[in-house]
Structures are given as structure tokens and as C-alpha cells.
Amino acid sequence: MLLTVAAAAVTSSLQAAYVSGDLLVGFTSAGAANDYIFDVGSYATLFNGETWSLANTGASGNFTTSQFSAADWGVIGALSLTHTIYSSAGSAGVPVENPNAFNTIKLNVSSTGQSSTSGSATAPGQTTANSWYSQTDQPNGTPGNYFFNNLDNPNNKVNVAANLYANDNLGDAATLLGDFTISADGNTLTWTAVPEPTAYAILGGFGLLALTLRRRFAHKA
């Protein structure tokens, strides 16, 4: 009984290590002993074109070449302040909203990132309860309190971009924020943000101006 209590205390302290709002980029591959989870930090601090080295932190080094090329990967996160769940779109498409399920899904994220800190990488055993595989990528129909059951499976193959969405879990449509991509050699992770509406307006304004000037010059000619 004492061992059970001690184990529960350790688990609780480990789960508290996850920082609300951080994004976890995870990899799992059949045949690999360990998964790989990299904490890129808070979504709020990301900037367009930001990159991270996966070679130095071990993602591509955590698997054999064939395992990494066949790996599933995705991105998840949870921000308590706004009750936002972050999730990449898996092979099933845009993550499906689960109204009023924030607290449950947040615990799934916290469990997955229980020993992560911004910029750090972990390699949990693939068969452990809080591995990337267990929380996000088990076969459809597998029962249990896991991220993939409570929201959606966020994974796709490493040659496919991880399109990141924000879910308010109130039943609204998820919002596309941008995408993470992996370089062909598997060593570099890159973030590309979706332009803000104001940026779209500016770009649209430039396009309209260019079209107007073109018509004027054409008319004069």
C-alpha cells in the first residue's frame, strides 16, 4: 500500500512538470522500443519560420532509418487559461471537437508530457501508459481514457505536414494555426504560421493595388 501511495505521489509530481500551453511533438514507430517526445515550448512564443534540430535532440537518432521513415508523428498541447486544446490533423482529417471535455483531454496531454520542459526531449518506453503511442496512436476501437479517444488521433506519417489546430471544445469548428514540417533528412523541424486576418487584408490590398495600376497602365497604352 505504501508503495502504491508513493508511486501515485511520484506520478502526480511528474505530471505537474508539463507547462500549460506547451506543444508536444511526438513520434512512434512499430518495432521501436521507445517513442520520442519533444517539447517545443508555448504556442504563444512560436514565430513563423522557427526551426528545431531533431538530430541533436535525438528524434531521428531514436529510431533506425527505416523506423523513422515509417514513423507516425503529431502535435498536441493544452492551455488552461482559455481551455484550448491544440492538436494536429491526423490521417482522419481535422480534429473533431469534443464539447466540455477540456479537463479530461488536458490530463491526457499532461500525462504525455509529464517529464517535459520547453526545449527538452524524452523517450518513454512505447508500451508504457503515457507513451506517445499509448496516448495518441493505438488502433481505432481500443478502449481507455486516452487522447485519441477523447479528441482524435493527431498522427500522420513523417513525410506529411502536421497541420496544427486550436480547439475550444465548445463545439465550434477547430481553427487552423499553421503547420509543422520535417526536413527530408529528418533532422529539422520547422513551424510555418498561418497569416493573421490582418496580414491577409494587407496582402489582398497590395494585390488590388497592383491590379488597379496594371489596368491604368494598360488603358494609357
Protein backbone atom coordinates (compact mmCIF):
# COMPACT_ATOMS: atom_id res chain seq x y z
CA MET A 1 0.00 0.00 0.00
CA LEU A 2 2.84 2.36 0.87
CA LEU A 3 4.42 1.57 -2.48
CA THR A 4 1.14 2.38 -4.21
CA VAL A 5 0.87 5.73 -2.43
CA ALA A 6 4.49 6.55 -3.22
CA ALA A 7 4.02 5.67 -6.87
CA ALA A 8 0.92 7.88 -7.03
CA ALA A 9 2.84 10.77 -5.50
CA VAL A 10 5.66 10.39 -7.99
CA THR A 11 3.19 10.25 -10.88
CA SER A 12 1.46 13.40 -9.64
CA SER A 13 4.72 15.33 -9.35
CA LEU A 14 5.82 14.19 -12.79
CA GLN A 15 2.54 15.22 -14.38
CA ALA A 16 2.89 18.67 -12.83
CA ALA A 17 6.05 19.13 -14.90
CA TYR A 18 4.02 19.76 -18.07
CA VAL A 19 3.70 23.51 -18.64
CA SER A 20 0.26 24.65 -19.73
CA GLY A 21 0.29 25.88 -23.33
CA ASP A 22 3.38 23.94 -24.40
CA LEU A 23 3.23 21.94 -27.62
CA LEU A 24 4.45 18.35 -27.60
CA VAL A 25 5.75 16.90 -30.86
CA GLY A 26 5.70 13.12 -30.67
CA PHE A 27 6.93 10.19 -32.74
CA THR A 28 6.19 6.48 -32.56
CA SER A 29 7.22 3.66 -34.86
CA ALA A 30 6.39 -0.04 -34.99
CA GLY A 31 9.31 -2.13 -33.82
CA ALA A 32 10.97 0.67 -31.83
CA ALA A 33 11.43 0.15 -28.10
CA ASN A 34 10.87 3.81 -27.29
CA ASP A 35 8.78 6.70 -28.53
CA TYR A 36 10.17 10.22 -28.81
CA ILE A 37 8.53 13.39 -27.45
CA PHE A 38 9.96 16.88 -27.96
CA ASP A 39 8.58 19.96 -26.16
CA VAL A 40 8.84 22.99 -28.48
CA GLY A 41 7.56 25.38 -25.80
CA SER A 42 4.47 27.55 -25.66
CA TYR A 43 2.41 28.09 -28.80
CA ALA A 44 2.31 31.80 -27.87
CA THR A 45 6.08 32.10 -28.28
CA LEU A 46 6.38 30.43 -31.69
CA PHE A 47 7.46 32.61 -34.60
CA ASN A 48 6.99 31.97 -38.29
CA GLY A 49 9.89 30.00 -39.75
CA GLU A 50 11.19 28.84 -36.35
CA THR A 51 13.22 25.63 -36.52
CA TRP A 52 14.44 22.98 -34.09
CA SER A 53 17.14 20.38 -34.54
CA LEU A 54 15.86 16.85 -34.19
CA ALA A 55 19.28 15.38 -34.90
CA ASN A 56 20.88 16.88 -31.79
CA THR A 57 17.97 16.00 -29.53
CA GLY A 58 17.55 12.51 -30.83
CA ALA A 59 14.33 12.15 -32.84
CA SER A 60 15.92 10.74 -35.96
CA GLY A 61 18.61 9.13 -33.79
CA ASN A 62 16.00 7.43 -31.60
CA PHE A 63 14.94 5.14 -34.46
CA THR A 64 16.64 3.25 -37.22
CA THR A 65 16.40 4.85 -40.67
CA SER A 66 13.58 2.52 -41.69
CA GLN A 67 11.73 3.01 -38.41
CA PHE A 68 11.88 6.80 -38.67
CA SER A 69 10.75 6.84 -42.29
CA ALA A 70 7.71 4.76 -41.29
CA ALA A 71 7.05 6.62 -38.02
CA ASP A 72 3.77 8.25 -37.08
CA TRP A 73 4.01 11.77 -35.67
CA GLY A 74 1.83 14.62 -34.49
CA VAL A 75 1.46 17.58 -32.13
CA ILE A 76 -0.71 18.10 -29.04
CA GLY A 77 -0.99 20.68 -26.25
CA ALA A 78 -3.39 22.20 -23.71
CA LEU A 79 -3.78 25.79 -22.49
CA SER A 80 -5.73 26.09 -19.23
CA LEU A 81 -6.23 29.87 -19.43
CA THR A 82 -8.51 29.67 -22.47
CA HIS A 83 -9.49 25.98 -22.26
CA THR A 84 -7.81 25.40 -25.61
CA ILE A 85 -6.66 22.01 -26.86
CA TYR A 86 -4.03 22.02 -29.59
CA SER A 87 -3.90 19.07 -31.94
CA SER A 88 -2.51 18.33 -35.36
CA ALA A 89 -4.73 16.81 -38.02
CA GLY A 90 -4.15 13.09 -38.35
CA SER A 91 -4.95 10.84 -41.24
CA ALA A 92 -8.66 11.16 -40.38
CA GLY A 93 -8.57 14.90 -41.05
CA VAL A 94 -9.36 17.95 -38.88
CA PRO A 95 -9.61 17.07 -35.16
CA VAL A 96 -13.22 16.56 -34.06
CA GLU A 97 -14.45 18.80 -31.24
CA ASN A 98 -15.46 17.10 -28.00
CA PRO A 99 -17.68 19.64 -26.17
CA ASN A 100 -16.90 20.23 -22.49
CA ALA A 101 -14.08 17.66 -22.44
CA PHE A 102 -11.20 20.07 -21.82
CA ASN A 103 -10.23 18.86 -18.35
CA THR A 104 -10.17 15.22 -19.43
CA ILE A 105 -8.09 15.90 -22.55
CA LYS A 106 -5.77 18.23 -20.64
CA LEU A 107 -4.92 15.34 -18.32
CA ASN A 108 -4.12 13.19 -21.36
CA VAL A 109 -1.72 15.90 -22.59
CA SER A 110 -0.19 16.34 -19.13
CA SER A 111 0.35 12.60 -18.84
CA THR A 112 2.08 12.51 -22.23
CA GLY A 113 4.31 15.46 -21.32
CA GLN A 114 4.73 14.54 -17.68
CA SER A 115 8.51 14.89 -17.66
CA SER A 116 8.90 17.51 -20.39
CA THR A 117 10.14 21.08 -20.22
CA SER A 118 10.46 23.60 -23.02
CA GLY A 119 13.21 22.53 -25.41
CA SER A 120 13.62 19.11 -23.82
CA ALA A 121 13.16 15.65 -25.27
CA THR A 122 12.05 12.40 -23.65
CA ALA A 123 11.99 8.81 -24.93
CA PRO A 124 9.37 6.85 -22.96
CA GLY A 125 9.03 3.13 -23.48
CA GLN A 126 6.46 2.56 -26.21
CA THR A 127 4.44 0.13 -24.09
CA THR A 128 4.14 2.46 -21.07
CA ALA A 129 0.76 4.04 -20.31
CA ASN A 130 1.92 7.59 -21.02
CA SER A 131 3.93 6.98 -24.17
CA TRP A 132 3.08 8.79 -27.41
CA TYR A 133 1.80 5.53 -28.84
CA SER A 134 -0.45 4.74 -25.87
CA GLN A 135 -1.98 8.21 -25.60
CA THR A 136 -2.37 9.10 -29.27
CA ASP A 137 -1.85 6.27 -31.75
CA GLN A 138 -3.45 3.00 -30.67
CA PRO A 139 -5.76 1.21 -33.14
CA ASN A 140 -9.30 2.52 -33.57
CA GLY A 141 -11.66 0.86 -31.14
CA THR A 142 -9.08 0.37 -28.39
CA PRO A 143 -10.89 1.36 -25.17
CA GLY A 144 -9.47 3.59 -22.47
CA ASN A 145 -9.04 7.17 -21.25
CA TYR A 146 -6.62 8.31 -23.93
CA PHE A 147 -6.14 11.42 -26.07
CA PHE A 148 -7.07 9.60 -29.27
CA ASN A 149 -10.40 8.52 -27.74
CA ASN A 150 -11.25 11.81 -26.05
CA LEU A 151 -10.42 14.05 -29.04
CA ASP A 152 -8.83 12.42 -32.08
CA ASN A 153 -5.69 10.70 -33.36
CA PRO A 154 -3.28 13.56 -34.24
CA ASN A 155 -0.78 11.42 -36.15
CA ASN A 156 0.31 11.16 -39.74
CA LYS A 157 3.47 9.96 -41.49
CA VAL A 158 6.72 11.93 -41.18
CA ASN A 159 6.62 12.99 -44.84
CA VAL A 160 3.26 14.71 -44.24
CA ALA A 161 2.93 18.15 -42.60
CA ALA A 162 1.35 18.27 -39.15
CA ASN A 163 -1.36 20.92 -39.57
CA LEU A 164 -1.96 22.40 -36.12
CA TYR A 165 -5.48 23.31 -34.96
CA ALA A 166 -6.84 25.05 -31.87
CA ASN A 167 -9.97 23.51 -30.32
CA ASP A 168 -12.08 25.40 -27.78
CA ASN A 169 -14.06 22.24 -27.02
CA LEU A 170 -17.36 24.10 -27.06
CA GLY A 171 -18.48 22.50 -30.28
CA ASP A 172 -17.09 25.21 -32.57
CA ALA A 173 -15.04 24.44 -35.66
CA ALA A 174 -11.32 23.99 -34.99
CA THR A 175 -9.06 26.88 -36.08
CA LEU A 176 -6.04 26.21 -38.30
CA LEU A 177 -2.94 27.88 -36.81
CA GLY A 178 -0.18 26.68 -39.15
CA ASP A 179 1.88 23.57 -39.72
CA PHE A 180 4.99 21.74 -38.60
CA THR A 181 7.13 20.01 -41.21
CA ILE A 182 10.16 17.72 -41.06
CA SER A 183 13.07 18.07 -43.47
CA ALA A 184 13.78 15.23 -45.89
CA ASP A 185 16.80 14.12 -43.83
CA GLY A 186 14.66 14.01 -40.68
CA ASN A 187 16.93 16.40 -38.80
CA THR A 188 14.99 19.67 -38.79
CA LEU A 189 11.54 20.59 -37.55
CA THR A 190 10.04 23.82 -38.96
CA TRP A 191 6.98 25.86 -37.93
CA THR A 192 5.05 27.85 -40.54
CA ALA A 193 2.25 30.04 -39.21
CA VAL A 194 -0.99 30.84 -40.98
CA PRO A 195 -1.06 34.61 -41.65
CA GLU A 196 -3.34 36.59 -39.33
CA PRO A 197 -6.53 38.04 -40.90
CA THR A 198 -4.88 41.49 -40.91
CA ALA A 199 -1.99 40.07 -42.90
CA TYR A 200 -4.42 38.60 -45.40
CA ALA A 201 -6.08 42.02 -45.69
CA ILE A 202 -2.74 43.71 -46.33
CA LEU A 203 -1.78 41.13 -48.94
CA GLY A 204 -5.19 41.49 -50.53
CA GLY A 205 -4.80 45.25 -50.55
CA PHE A 206 -1.45 45.01 -52.32
CA GLY A 207 -2.99 42.66 -54.87
CA LEU A 208 -5.88 45.04 -55.53
CA LEU A 209 -3.49 47.98 -55.86
CA ALA A 210 -1.32 46.07 -58.33
CA LEU A 211 -4.36 45.12 -60.37
CA THR A 212 -5.62 48.72 -60.43
CA LEU A 213 -2.24 50.10 -61.53
CA ARG A 214 -1.95 47.42 -64.18
CA ARG A 215 -5.33 48.36 -65.64
CA ARG A 216 -4.44 52.06 -65.62
CA PHE A 217 -1.17 51.49 -67.43
CA ALA A 218 -2.89 49.19 -69.91
CA HIS A 219 -5.54 51.85 -70.56
CA LYS A 220 -2.90 54.55 -71.18
CA ALA A 221 -1.06 52.30 -73.58
